[in-house]
Amino acid sequence: MKIEGAIFDLDGTLLDSMFIWDTIGEDYLKSLGIKPKENLNETFKTMSLLQAAAYYQSEYGVDLSIEQIISGVNRMIEHFYTGKVTAKAGVKAMLETFKKKGVKMCVATATDSHLAKAALRRNGVLDCFSGIFTCTQVGSGKDTPDIFNKALTHLGTHKQSTVVFEDALYAVQTAKKAGFFVAGMYDKSQAAHSAQIRKLSDVFFNSFEEMRGFFD
């Protein structure tokens, strides 16, 4: 396939980082002295940080502003993104290949910008991307196509030759409904949905190493 532009999800696609989100929802509440009444990992699975912050307010009565809640969550995971997170196997090589081919690339993520930049810089690939779009900045999660459409406008590429790389089922569903060519990416956090993601995506890869030669 001839690829002109690429929109990459961050966590679970470029980075091996989804596990950090498995307990953060509950850990944040506990840090405020509030006992979670549900499995917040499941509740927050399709939410942006902005949506999660609003949920803390409405469902748990957290008496902090949206901005304060987001900052508090980010502080709890900052050390991971700045000093520990690693890119998935084959990511750097594939991004460098795309860059040499002149493919325009950006990131669309639910993770806030300063953490995304820190992680990409640490893994030596930040300069591959011309922009980072976050759900917080856009004002909506990946349950709507806003972030993908803004990323496409930024790239200035044709939709039919722009690929969205995603590991989460709900984000794959959104991108497909919006008319994008979607490359589904395997991540262990989405293992239960892999069959659905594979069926819905235009193409599915277990790793970036498996991708070699497909986008020529």
N, C-alpha and C. Protein backbone atom coordinates (compact mmCIF):
# COMPACT_ATOMS: atom_id res chain seq x y z
N MET A 1 0.83 -1.20 0.00
CA MET A 1 0.00 0.00 0.00
C MET A 1 0.87 1.25 0.00
N LYS A 2 0.51 2.23 -0.79
CA LYS A 2 1.20 3.51 -0.81
C LYS A 2 0.68 4.36 0.34
N ILE A 3 1.55 4.75 1.25
CA ILE A 3 1.15 5.53 2.42
C ILE A 3 1.70 6.94 2.33
N GLU A 4 0.83 7.90 2.54
CA GLU A 4 1.19 9.31 2.46
C GLU A 4 1.28 9.94 3.85
N GLY A 5 0.41 9.50 4.75
CA GLY A 5 0.39 10.03 6.11
C GLY A 5 0.08 8.94 7.12
N ALA A 6 0.50 9.14 8.35
CA ALA A 6 0.28 8.15 9.41
C ALA A 6 -0.08 8.85 10.71
N ILE A 7 -1.14 8.38 11.34
CA ILE A 7 -1.59 8.88 12.64
C ILE A 7 -1.45 7.74 13.64
N PHE A 8 -0.56 7.92 14.61
CA PHE A 8 -0.25 6.85 15.55
C PHE A 8 -0.84 7.09 16.92
N ASP A 9 -1.51 6.07 17.44
CA ASP A 9 -1.83 6.03 18.87
C ASP A 9 -0.51 5.86 19.61
N LEU A 10 -0.49 6.24 20.88
CA LEU A 10 0.74 6.16 21.66
C LEU A 10 0.79 4.90 22.52
N ASP A 11 -0.04 4.85 23.56
CA ASP A 11 0.01 3.75 24.52
C ASP A 11 -0.58 2.47 23.95
N GLY A 12 0.23 1.42 23.96
CA GLY A 12 -0.22 0.14 23.43
C GLY A 12 0.07 -0.03 21.95
N THR A 13 0.40 1.08 21.28
CA THR A 13 0.75 1.01 19.86
C THR A 13 2.23 1.31 19.67
N LEU A 14 2.65 2.53 19.95
CA LEU A 14 4.08 2.87 19.87
C LEU A 14 4.82 2.45 21.14
N LEU A 15 4.16 2.58 22.28
CA LEU A 15 4.81 2.31 23.56
C LEU A 15 4.22 1.11 24.27
N ASP A 16 5.08 0.38 24.97
CA ASP A 16 4.63 -0.72 25.82
C ASP A 16 4.29 -0.11 27.18
N SER A 17 3.12 0.47 27.28
CA SER A 17 2.81 1.31 28.45
C SER A 17 1.42 1.14 29.01
N MET A 18 0.59 0.30 28.43
CA MET A 18 -0.79 0.22 28.89
C MET A 18 -0.92 -0.24 30.34
N PHE A 19 0.03 -1.02 30.81
CA PHE A 19 -0.07 -1.55 32.18
C PHE A 19 -0.06 -0.45 33.23
N ILE A 20 0.54 0.70 32.92
CA ILE A 20 0.61 1.78 33.89
C ILE A 20 -0.79 2.34 34.18
N TRP A 21 -1.71 2.14 33.21
CA TRP A 21 -3.07 2.67 33.36
C TRP A 21 -4.01 1.67 34.04
N ASP A 22 -3.52 0.45 34.27
CA ASP A 22 -4.39 -0.59 34.82
C ASP A 22 -4.96 -0.26 36.20
N THR A 23 -4.17 0.44 37.00
CA THR A 23 -4.61 0.73 38.37
C THR A 23 -4.62 2.22 38.70
N ILE A 24 -4.22 3.06 37.76
CA ILE A 24 -4.07 4.49 38.09
C ILE A 24 -5.39 5.12 38.50
N GLY A 25 -6.49 4.69 37.90
CA GLY A 25 -7.79 5.26 38.25
C GLY A 25 -8.12 5.05 39.72
N GLU A 26 -7.90 3.83 40.20
CA GLU A 26 -8.16 3.52 41.59
C GLU A 26 -7.09 4.11 42.50
N ASP A 27 -5.83 4.09 42.06
CA ASP A 27 -4.74 4.63 42.87
C ASP A 27 -4.93 6.11 43.15
N TYR A 28 -5.42 6.83 42.13
CA TYR A 28 -5.62 8.27 42.33
C TYR A 28 -6.69 8.52 43.40
N LEU A 29 -7.80 7.79 43.33
CA LEU A 29 -8.85 7.96 44.34
C LEU A 29 -8.32 7.63 45.73
N LYS A 30 -7.56 6.55 45.83
CA LYS A 30 -7.01 6.14 47.13
C LYS A 30 -6.08 7.21 47.68
N SER A 31 -5.36 7.91 46.78
CA SER A 31 -4.46 8.97 47.23
C SER A 31 -5.23 10.14 47.84
N LEU A 32 -6.53 10.23 47.50
CA LEU A 32 -7.40 11.27 48.06
C LEU A 32 -8.18 10.76 49.27
N GLY A 33 -7.93 9.49 49.64
CA GLY A 33 -8.63 8.91 50.78
C GLY A 33 -10.02 8.43 50.44
N ILE A 34 -10.28 8.16 49.14
CA ILE A 34 -11.59 7.71 48.69
C ILE A 34 -11.49 6.26 48.22
N LYS A 35 -12.40 5.42 48.67
CA LYS A 35 -12.39 4.01 48.28
C LYS A 35 -13.17 3.81 46.98
N PRO A 36 -12.55 3.24 45.95
CA PRO A 36 -13.25 2.99 44.68
C PRO A 36 -14.39 2.00 44.89
N LYS A 37 -15.50 2.22 44.20
CA LYS A 37 -16.66 1.35 44.34
C LYS A 37 -16.87 0.47 43.12
N GLU A 38 -15.87 0.44 42.23
CA GLU A 38 -16.01 -0.29 40.97
C GLU A 38 -14.62 -0.57 40.41
N ASN A 39 -14.57 -1.31 39.30
CA ASN A 39 -13.32 -1.51 38.57
C ASN A 39 -13.14 -0.32 37.64
N LEU A 40 -12.41 0.68 38.10
CA LEU A 40 -12.27 1.91 37.33
C LEU A 40 -11.47 1.72 36.05
N ASN A 41 -10.62 0.69 36.02
CA ASN A 41 -9.89 0.41 34.79
C ASN A 41 -10.86 0.15 33.64
N GLU A 42 -11.90 -0.61 33.91
CA GLU A 42 -12.90 -0.90 32.88
C GLU A 42 -13.74 0.34 32.57
N THR A 43 -14.10 1.07 33.60
CA THR A 43 -14.92 2.27 33.41
C THR A 43 -14.19 3.31 32.56
N PHE A 44 -12.88 3.46 32.82
CA PHE A 44 -12.10 4.51 32.16
C PHE A 44 -11.51 4.07 30.82
N LYS A 45 -11.73 2.84 30.42
CA LYS A 45 -11.06 2.28 29.24
C LYS A 45 -11.29 3.11 27.98
N THR A 46 -12.46 3.70 27.83
CA THR A 46 -12.75 4.48 26.62
C THR A 46 -12.79 5.98 26.90
N MET A 47 -12.32 6.40 28.07
CA MET A 47 -12.37 7.81 28.44
C MET A 47 -11.03 8.51 28.25
N SER A 48 -11.09 9.80 27.94
CA SER A 48 -9.91 10.64 27.97
C SER A 48 -9.67 11.06 29.42
N LEU A 49 -8.53 11.68 29.70
CA LEU A 49 -8.26 12.18 31.04
C LEU A 49 -9.30 13.23 31.43
N LEU A 50 -9.70 14.03 30.47
CA LEU A 50 -10.71 15.05 30.70
C LEU A 50 -12.03 14.42 31.14
N GLN A 51 -12.43 13.37 30.44
CA GLN A 51 -13.67 12.68 30.77
C GLN A 51 -13.56 11.97 32.12
N ALA A 52 -12.39 11.38 32.39
CA ALA A 52 -12.18 10.69 33.67
C ALA A 52 -12.24 11.68 34.83
N ALA A 53 -11.66 12.86 34.64
CA ALA A 53 -11.67 13.88 35.68
C ALA A 53 -13.10 14.31 36.00
N ALA A 54 -13.90 14.49 34.95
CA ALA A 54 -15.31 14.86 35.15
C ALA A 54 -16.06 13.74 35.88
N TYR A 55 -15.69 12.50 35.59
CA TYR A 55 -16.33 11.34 36.24
C TYR A 55 -15.99 11.32 37.73
N TYR A 56 -14.74 11.63 38.07
CA TYR A 56 -14.36 11.71 39.48
C TYR A 56 -15.23 12.73 40.22
N GLN A 57 -15.49 13.83 39.56
CA GLN A 57 -16.31 14.88 40.18
C GLN A 57 -17.76 14.43 40.36
N SER A 58 -18.34 13.90 39.29
CA SER A 58 -19.77 13.58 39.33
C SER A 58 -20.10 12.32 40.12
N GLU A 59 -19.24 11.31 40.04
CA GLU A 59 -19.54 10.02 40.67
C GLU A 59 -18.91 9.82 42.04
N TYR A 60 -17.83 10.55 42.31
CA TYR A 60 -17.14 10.38 43.58
C TYR A 60 -17.06 11.67 44.39
N GLY A 61 -17.61 12.75 43.85
CA GLY A 61 -17.65 14.00 44.59
C GLY A 61 -16.28 14.61 44.86
N VAL A 62 -15.32 14.35 43.99
CA VAL A 62 -13.98 14.93 44.17
C VAL A 62 -14.08 16.45 44.04
N ASP A 63 -13.71 17.14 45.10
CA ASP A 63 -13.87 18.60 45.17
C ASP A 63 -12.61 19.31 44.68
N LEU A 64 -12.23 19.00 43.45
CA LEU A 64 -11.08 19.64 42.80
C LEU A 64 -11.50 20.02 41.39
N SER A 65 -10.79 20.96 40.80
CA SER A 65 -11.10 21.34 39.42
C SER A 65 -10.64 20.25 38.46
N ILE A 66 -11.15 20.28 37.25
CA ILE A 66 -10.73 19.34 36.22
C ILE A 66 -9.22 19.41 36.04
N GLU A 67 -8.69 20.62 35.99
CA GLU A 67 -7.25 20.82 35.79
C GLU A 67 -6.44 20.23 36.94
N GLN A 68 -6.93 20.41 38.16
CA GLN A 68 -6.22 19.87 39.32
C GLN A 68 -6.21 18.34 39.32
N ILE A 69 -7.32 17.75 38.93
CA ILE A 69 -7.40 16.29 38.88
C ILE A 69 -6.45 15.75 37.82
N ILE A 70 -6.47 16.33 36.63
CA ILE A 70 -5.58 15.88 35.56
C ILE A 70 -4.12 16.01 35.98
N SER A 71 -3.78 17.13 36.60
CA SER A 71 -2.40 17.34 37.07
C SER A 71 -2.01 16.30 38.11
N GLY A 72 -2.97 15.96 38.99
CA GLY A 72 -2.69 14.97 40.02
C GLY A 72 -2.43 13.60 39.45
N VAL A 73 -3.23 13.19 38.48
CA VAL A 73 -3.03 11.90 37.81
C VAL A 73 -1.68 11.90 37.08
N ASN A 74 -1.41 12.98 36.36
CA ASN A 74 -0.15 13.06 35.60
C ASN A 74 1.07 12.97 36.50
N ARG A 75 0.99 13.59 37.68
CA ARG A 75 2.13 13.53 38.61
C ARG A 75 2.42 12.09 39.06
N MET A 76 1.37 11.28 39.16
CA MET A 76 1.54 9.90 39.61
C MET A 76 2.21 9.02 38.56
N ILE A 77 2.13 9.40 37.30
CA ILE A 77 2.70 8.57 36.23
C ILE A 77 3.88 9.23 35.51
N GLU A 78 4.20 10.45 35.91
CA GLU A 78 5.26 11.19 35.20
C GLU A 78 6.59 10.47 35.19
N HIS A 79 6.97 9.88 36.33
CA HIS A 79 8.26 9.20 36.42
C HIS A 79 8.36 8.06 35.41
N PHE A 80 7.23 7.43 35.14
CA PHE A 80 7.22 6.31 34.20
C PHE A 80 7.49 6.79 32.77
N TYR A 81 6.81 7.85 32.36
CA TYR A 81 6.97 8.35 31.00
C TYR A 81 8.32 9.03 30.78
N THR A 82 8.86 9.65 31.80
CA THR A 82 10.13 10.35 31.64
C THR A 82 11.35 9.45 31.80
N GLY A 83 11.20 8.34 32.54
CA GLY A 83 12.39 7.55 32.82
C GLY A 83 12.33 6.06 32.63
N LYS A 84 11.16 5.49 32.30
CA LYS A 84 11.07 4.04 32.25
C LYS A 84 10.45 3.46 30.98
N VAL A 85 9.47 4.12 30.43
CA VAL A 85 8.70 3.53 29.33
C VAL A 85 9.58 3.23 28.12
N THR A 86 9.29 2.11 27.45
CA THR A 86 10.06 1.74 26.26
C THR A 86 9.15 1.60 25.05
N ALA A 87 9.72 1.87 23.89
CA ALA A 87 8.98 1.68 22.64
C ALA A 87 8.84 0.20 22.36
N LYS A 88 7.82 -0.16 21.64
CA LYS A 88 7.63 -1.56 21.25
C LYS A 88 8.69 -1.97 20.23
N ALA A 89 8.89 -3.26 20.12
CA ALA A 89 9.89 -3.79 19.20
C ALA A 89 9.60 -3.35 17.76
N GLY A 90 10.63 -2.88 17.09
CA GLY A 90 10.50 -2.50 15.69
C GLY A 90 9.98 -1.11 15.43
N VAL A 91 9.54 -0.40 16.46
CA VAL A 91 8.94 0.92 16.28
C VAL A 91 9.94 1.92 15.70
N LYS A 92 11.11 2.03 16.29
CA LYS A 92 12.08 3.03 15.84
C LYS A 92 12.49 2.79 14.40
N ALA A 93 12.76 1.55 14.05
CA ALA A 93 13.18 1.23 12.68
C ALA A 93 12.09 1.55 11.68
N MET A 94 10.83 1.23 12.00
CA MET A 94 9.73 1.49 11.08
C MET A 94 9.48 2.98 10.92
N LEU A 95 9.55 3.72 12.03
CA LEU A 95 9.36 5.17 11.95
C LEU A 95 10.45 5.83 11.12
N GLU A 96 11.66 5.36 11.27
CA GLU A 96 12.76 5.91 10.48
C GLU A 96 12.60 5.58 9.00
N THR A 97 12.07 4.39 8.71
CA THR A 97 11.79 4.01 7.32
C THR A 97 10.73 4.93 6.73
N PHE A 98 9.65 5.15 7.48
CA PHE A 98 8.58 6.06 7.02
C PHE A 98 9.15 7.46 6.78
N LYS A 99 9.99 7.90 7.70
CA LYS A 99 10.55 9.25 7.59
C LYS A 99 11.38 9.39 6.31
N LYS A 100 12.16 8.38 5.99
CA LYS A 100 12.98 8.40 4.77
C LYS A 100 12.11 8.40 3.52
N LYS A 101 10.95 7.77 3.61
CA LYS A 101 10.03 7.71 2.47
C LYS A 101 9.21 9.00 2.32
N GLY A 102 9.34 9.91 3.30
CA GLY A 102 8.60 11.16 3.24
C GLY A 102 7.19 11.07 3.77
N VAL A 103 6.88 10.02 4.52
CA VAL A 103 5.56 9.87 5.12
C VAL A 103 5.40 10.91 6.24
N LYS A 104 4.31 11.66 6.21
CA LYS A 104 4.04 12.64 7.26
C LYS A 104 3.40 11.94 8.44
N MET A 105 3.91 12.21 9.64
CA MET A 105 3.47 11.46 10.82
C MET A 105 3.13 12.36 12.00
N CYS A 106 2.10 11.96 12.74
CA CYS A 106 1.76 12.63 13.98
C CYS A 106 1.18 11.62 14.96
N VAL A 107 0.99 12.04 16.19
CA VAL A 107 0.48 11.17 17.25
C VAL A 107 -0.88 11.67 17.71
N ALA A 108 -1.81 10.75 17.95
CA ALA A 108 -3.12 11.07 18.51
C ALA A 108 -3.30 10.20 19.75
N THR A 109 -3.35 10.82 20.93
CA THR A 109 -3.28 10.05 22.16
C THR A 109 -4.15 10.63 23.27
N ALA A 110 -4.55 9.77 24.19
CA ALA A 110 -5.28 10.21 25.38
C ALA A 110 -4.33 10.69 26.47
N THR A 111 -3.04 10.39 26.32
CA THR A 111 -2.03 10.83 27.27
C THR A 111 -1.67 12.29 27.02
N ASP A 112 -1.46 13.05 28.08
CA ASP A 112 -1.19 14.47 27.91
C ASP A 112 0.15 14.72 27.22
N SER A 113 0.23 15.86 26.56
CA SER A 113 1.31 16.17 25.63
C SER A 113 2.70 16.10 26.24
N HIS A 114 2.90 16.67 27.42
CA HIS A 114 4.26 16.71 27.98
C HIS A 114 4.76 15.31 28.32
N LEU A 115 3.86 14.41 28.69
CA LEU A 115 4.27 13.04 28.97
C LEU A 115 4.56 12.29 27.68
N ALA A 116 3.73 12.50 26.66
CA ALA A 116 3.95 11.87 25.37
C ALA A 116 5.29 12.30 24.78
N LYS A 117 5.57 13.59 24.83
CA LYS A 117 6.84 14.10 24.29
C LYS A 117 8.03 13.53 25.06
N ALA A 118 7.92 13.45 26.37
CA ALA A 118 9.01 12.92 27.19
C ALA A 118 9.31 11.47 26.83
N ALA A 119 8.26 10.68 26.66
CA ALA A 119 8.44 9.27 26.34
C ALA A 119 9.02 9.08 24.94
N LEU A 120 8.52 9.84 23.98
CA LEU A 120 9.01 9.72 22.61
C LEU A 120 10.45 10.22 22.50
N ARG A 121 10.76 11.28 23.23
CA ARG A 121 12.14 11.80 23.24
C ARG A 121 13.09 10.77 23.85
N ARG A 122 12.67 10.18 24.95
CA ARG A 122 13.51 9.18 25.64
C ARG A 122 13.81 7.99 24.72
N ASN A 123 12.88 7.66 23.85
CA ASN A 123 13.06 6.52 22.95
C ASN A 123 13.62 6.93 21.59
N GLY A 124 14.00 8.18 21.44
CA GLY A 124 14.71 8.64 20.26
C GLY A 124 13.88 8.77 19.00
N VAL A 125 12.55 9.00 19.15
CA VAL A 125 11.70 9.06 17.96
C VAL A 125 10.84 10.33 17.90
N LEU A 126 11.02 11.25 18.82
CA LEU A 126 10.17 12.45 18.85
C LEU A 126 10.26 13.24 17.56
N ASP A 127 11.45 13.29 16.96
CA ASP A 127 11.63 14.09 15.75
C ASP A 127 10.97 13.48 14.51
N CYS A 128 10.38 12.30 14.66
CA CYS A 128 9.66 11.68 13.54
C CYS A 128 8.28 12.30 13.35
N PHE A 129 7.79 13.00 14.37
CA PHE A 129 6.42 13.49 14.35
C PHE A 129 6.34 15.00 14.25
N SER A 130 5.45 15.46 13.41
CA SER A 130 5.28 16.91 13.23
C SER A 130 4.27 17.49 14.22
N GLY A 131 3.56 16.63 14.94
CA GLY A 131 2.59 17.12 15.91
C GLY A 131 2.12 16.02 16.83
N ILE A 132 1.65 16.42 18.01
CA ILE A 132 1.05 15.49 18.97
C ILE A 132 -0.31 16.05 19.36
N PHE A 133 -1.35 15.29 19.09
CA PHE A 133 -2.70 15.71 19.40
C PHE A 133 -3.21 14.87 20.58
N THR A 134 -3.75 15.54 21.58
CA THR A 134 -4.25 14.83 22.76
C THR A 134 -5.75 15.03 22.91
N CYS A 135 -6.37 14.05 23.54
CA CYS A 135 -7.81 14.14 23.77
C CYS A 135 -8.15 15.33 24.66
N THR A 136 -7.28 15.63 25.61
CA THR A 136 -7.51 16.78 26.48
C THR A 136 -7.53 18.07 25.68
N GLN A 137 -6.58 18.24 24.77
CA GLN A 137 -6.51 19.44 23.95
C GLN A 137 -7.69 19.55 23.00
N VAL A 138 -8.06 18.42 22.41
CA VAL A 138 -9.16 18.40 21.44
C VAL A 138 -10.50 18.58 22.14
N GLY A 139 -10.59 18.08 23.37
CA GLY A 139 -11.82 18.23 24.13
C GLY A 139 -12.78 17.06 24.01
N SER A 140 -12.30 15.95 23.46
CA SER A 140 -13.14 14.76 23.35
C SER A 140 -12.26 13.52 23.28
N GLY A 141 -12.82 12.37 23.64
CA GLY A 141 -12.08 11.12 23.60
C GLY A 141 -12.12 10.49 22.22
N LYS A 142 -11.54 9.32 22.12
CA LYS A 142 -11.51 8.63 20.83
C LYS A 142 -12.81 7.87 20.54
N ASP A 143 -13.82 8.14 21.34
CA ASP A 143 -15.15 7.64 21.00
C ASP A 143 -15.82 8.55 19.97
N THR A 144 -15.16 9.66 19.64
CA THR A 144 -15.57 10.54 18.54
C THR A 144 -14.36 10.72 17.63
N PRO A 145 -14.57 11.05 16.34
CA PRO A 145 -13.45 11.13 15.40
C PRO A 145 -12.69 12.46 15.41
N ASP A 146 -13.03 13.35 16.33
CA ASP A 146 -12.44 14.70 16.31
C ASP A 146 -10.92 14.68 16.27
N ILE A 147 -10.30 13.88 17.12
CA ILE A 147 -8.84 13.88 17.21
C ILE A 147 -8.20 13.37 15.92
N PHE A 148 -8.82 12.38 15.28
CA PHE A 148 -8.30 11.86 14.02
C PHE A 148 -8.46 12.88 12.90
N ASN A 149 -9.58 13.57 12.88
CA ASN A 149 -9.81 14.57 11.84
C ASN A 149 -8.86 15.76 11.99
N LYS A 150 -8.60 16.18 13.23
CA LYS A 150 -7.67 17.28 13.45
C LYS A 150 -6.25 16.87 13.05
N ALA A 151 -5.90 15.64 13.34
CA ALA A 151 -4.58 15.14 12.96
C ALA A 151 -4.43 15.10 11.44
N LEU A 152 -5.48 14.67 10.76
CA LEU A 152 -5.47 14.62 9.30
C LEU A 152 -5.32 16.01 8.70
N THR A 153 -6.06 16.97 9.23
CA THR A 153 -5.96 18.35 8.75
C THR A 153 -4.53 18.87 8.93
N HIS A 154 -3.93 18.56 10.06
CA HIS A 154 -2.55 18.97 10.33
C HIS A 154 -1.59 18.37 9.32
N LEU A 155 -1.75 17.09 9.03
CA LEU A 155 -0.84 16.42 8.10
C LEU A 155 -1.02 16.96 6.68
N GLY A 156 -2.25 17.29 6.33
CA GLY A 156 -2.52 17.79 4.98
C GLY A 156 -2.45 16.70 3.93
N THR A 157 -2.69 15.46 4.34
CA THR A 157 -2.65 14.33 3.42
C THR A 157 -4.07 13.89 3.06
N HIS A 158 -4.19 13.05 2.04
CA HIS A 158 -5.49 12.53 1.65
C HIS A 158 -5.90 11.41 2.61
N LYS A 159 -7.17 11.38 2.97
CA LYS A 159 -7.65 10.38 3.92
C LYS A 159 -7.41 8.96 3.42
N GLN A 160 -7.60 8.74 2.12
CA GLN A 160 -7.47 7.37 1.58
C GLN A 160 -6.04 6.84 1.60
N SER A 161 -5.08 7.75 1.76
CA SER A 161 -3.68 7.30 1.83
C SER A 161 -3.05 7.63 3.19
N THR A 162 -3.92 7.87 4.18
CA THR A 162 -3.46 8.13 5.55
C THR A 162 -3.93 6.99 6.45
N VAL A 163 -2.99 6.38 7.16
CA VAL A 163 -3.28 5.21 7.98
C VAL A 163 -3.34 5.58 9.45
N VAL A 164 -4.37 5.11 10.13
CA VAL A 164 -4.48 5.25 11.58
C VAL A 164 -4.02 3.95 12.22
N PHE A 165 -3.02 4.02 13.08
CA PHE A 165 -2.48 2.86 13.78
C PHE A 165 -3.04 2.85 15.20
N GLU A 166 -3.82 1.83 15.55
CA GLU A 166 -4.50 1.78 16.84
C GLU A 166 -4.52 0.36 17.41
N ASP A 167 -4.48 0.26 18.74
CA ASP A 167 -4.56 -1.04 19.40
C ASP A 167 -5.88 -1.26 20.13
N ALA A 168 -6.64 -0.19 20.38
CA ALA A 168 -7.87 -0.31 21.18
C ALA A 168 -9.09 -0.47 20.28
N LEU A 169 -9.96 -1.40 20.64
CA LEU A 169 -11.12 -1.71 19.82
C LEU A 169 -12.00 -0.49 19.58
N TYR A 170 -12.32 0.26 20.64
CA TYR A 170 -13.24 1.39 20.46
C TYR A 170 -12.65 2.47 19.56
N ALA A 171 -11.33 2.67 19.62
CA ALA A 171 -10.67 3.66 18.77
C ALA A 171 -10.63 3.19 17.32
N VAL A 172 -10.41 1.90 17.12
CA VAL A 172 -10.46 1.31 15.78
C VAL A 172 -11.86 1.51 15.19
N GLN A 173 -12.87 1.25 15.99
CA GLN A 173 -14.25 1.43 15.52
C GLN A 173 -14.52 2.87 15.11
N THR A 174 -14.05 3.81 15.90
CA THR A 174 -14.25 5.24 15.60
C THR A 174 -13.55 5.63 14.31
N ALA A 175 -12.28 5.24 14.17
CA ALA A 175 -11.52 5.61 12.98
C ALA A 175 -12.11 5.00 11.72
N LYS A 176 -12.57 3.76 11.81
CA LYS A 176 -13.19 3.10 10.66
C LYS A 176 -14.48 3.81 10.25
N LYS A 177 -15.32 4.15 11.22
CA LYS A 177 -16.57 4.85 10.92
C LYS A 177 -16.31 6.21 10.28
N ALA A 178 -15.16 6.80 10.62
CA ALA A 178 -14.80 8.10 10.06
C ALA A 178 -14.18 7.99 8.67
N GLY A 179 -14.01 6.76 8.19
CA GLY A 179 -13.53 6.56 6.82
C GLY A 179 -12.03 6.41 6.65
N PHE A 180 -11.31 6.19 7.75
CA PHE A 180 -9.86 6.02 7.66
C PHE A 180 -9.48 4.58 7.33
N PHE A 181 -8.31 4.40 6.73
CA PHE A 181 -7.68 3.09 6.60
C PHE A 181 -7.04 2.81 7.95
N VAL A 182 -7.41 1.70 8.58
CA VAL A 182 -6.95 1.42 9.93
C VAL A 182 -6.04 0.20 9.99
N ALA A 183 -4.90 0.38 10.61
CA ALA A 183 -3.99 -0.72 10.89
C ALA A 183 -4.17 -1.08 12.36
N GLY A 184 -4.78 -2.22 12.63
CA GLY A 184 -4.93 -2.67 14.00
C GLY A 184 -3.61 -3.24 14.50
N MET A 185 -3.24 -2.86 15.73
CA MET A 185 -1.98 -3.31 16.32
C MET A 185 -2.26 -4.16 17.56
N TYR A 186 -1.57 -5.27 17.67
CA TYR A 186 -1.77 -6.14 18.83
C TYR A 186 -1.13 -5.53 20.08
N ASP A 187 -1.87 -5.58 21.17
CA ASP A 187 -1.30 -5.28 22.49
C ASP A 187 -1.96 -6.23 23.48
N LYS A 188 -1.17 -6.72 24.43
CA LYS A 188 -1.70 -7.71 25.38
C LYS A 188 -2.87 -7.16 26.19
N SER A 189 -2.92 -5.83 26.37
CA SER A 189 -4.04 -5.26 27.12
C SER A 189 -5.37 -5.40 26.39
N GLN A 190 -5.29 -5.61 25.08
CA GLN A 190 -6.49 -5.76 24.25
C GLN A 190 -6.64 -7.18 23.71
N ALA A 191 -5.94 -8.12 24.32
CA ALA A 191 -5.93 -9.50 23.83
C ALA A 191 -7.34 -10.08 23.70
N ALA A 192 -8.21 -9.74 24.63
CA ALA A 192 -9.58 -10.28 24.60
C ALA A 192 -10.36 -9.77 23.39
N HIS A 193 -9.91 -8.64 22.82
CA HIS A 193 -10.62 -8.05 21.68
C HIS A 193 -9.86 -8.21 20.36
N SER A 194 -8.77 -8.97 20.39
CA SER A 194 -7.93 -9.08 19.20
C SER A 194 -8.67 -9.58 17.97
N ALA A 195 -9.54 -10.56 18.16
CA ALA A 195 -10.28 -11.11 17.02
C ALA A 195 -11.18 -10.05 16.40
N GLN A 196 -11.84 -9.26 17.24
CA GLN A 196 -12.70 -8.19 16.74
C GLN A 196 -11.90 -7.10 16.04
N ILE A 197 -10.76 -6.74 16.64
CA ILE A 197 -9.91 -5.71 16.05
C ILE A 197 -9.39 -6.18 14.70
N ARG A 198 -8.96 -7.43 14.64
CA ARG A 198 -8.45 -8.00 13.39
C ARG A 198 -9.53 -7.99 12.30
N LYS A 199 -10.74 -8.32 12.68
CA LYS A 199 -11.84 -8.38 11.71
C LYS A 199 -12.23 -6.99 11.21
N LEU A 200 -12.21 -6.02 12.10
CA LEU A 200 -12.66 -4.67 11.76
C LEU A 200 -11.60 -3.86 11.02
N SER A 201 -10.33 -4.10 11.34
CA SER A 201 -9.25 -3.32 10.74
C SER A 201 -9.04 -3.69 9.27
N ASP A 202 -8.48 -2.76 8.52
CA ASP A 202 -8.14 -3.04 7.13
C ASP A 202 -6.95 -3.98 7.04
N VAL A 203 -6.06 -3.87 8.02
CA VAL A 203 -4.91 -4.76 8.13
C VAL A 203 -4.57 -4.86 9.61
N PHE A 204 -3.99 -5.99 10.02
CA PHE A 204 -3.68 -6.19 11.43
C PHE A 204 -2.24 -6.69 11.56
N PHE A 205 -1.52 -6.13 12.53
CA PHE A 205 -0.13 -6.54 12.76
C PHE A 205 0.06 -6.92 14.23
N ASN A 206 0.81 -7.98 14.43
CA ASN A 206 1.16 -8.38 15.79
C ASN A 206 2.32 -7.56 16.33
N SER A 207 3.09 -6.96 15.44
CA SER A 207 4.21 -6.12 15.85
C SER A 207 4.62 -5.23 14.69
N PHE A 208 5.43 -4.23 14.97
CA PHE A 208 5.94 -3.37 13.91
C PHE A 208 6.94 -4.12 13.03
N GLU A 209 7.59 -5.11 13.59
CA GLU A 209 8.52 -5.91 12.80
C GLU A 209 7.78 -6.68 11.72
N GLU A 210 6.56 -7.07 11.99
CA GLU A 210 5.73 -7.80 11.05
C GLU A 210 5.28 -6.90 9.89
N MET A 211 5.42 -5.62 10.04
CA MET A 211 4.92 -4.64 9.10
C MET A 211 5.85 -4.40 7.90
N ARG A 212 7.07 -4.88 8.00
CA ARG A 212 8.08 -4.61 6.98
C ARG A 212 7.61 -5.02 5.59
N GLY A 213 7.73 -4.08 4.65
CA GLY A 213 7.40 -4.37 3.28
C GLY A 213 5.96 -4.13 2.90
N PHE A 214 5.08 -3.91 3.89
CA PHE A 214 3.66 -3.74 3.56
C PHE A 214 3.39 -2.35 3.00
N PHE A 215 3.97 -1.32 3.61
CA PHE A 215 3.71 0.05 3.20
C PHE A 215 4.82 0.54 2.28
N ASP A 216 4.86 0.05 1.06
CA ASP A 216 5.88 0.46 0.10
C ASP A 216 5.31 1.45 -0.92
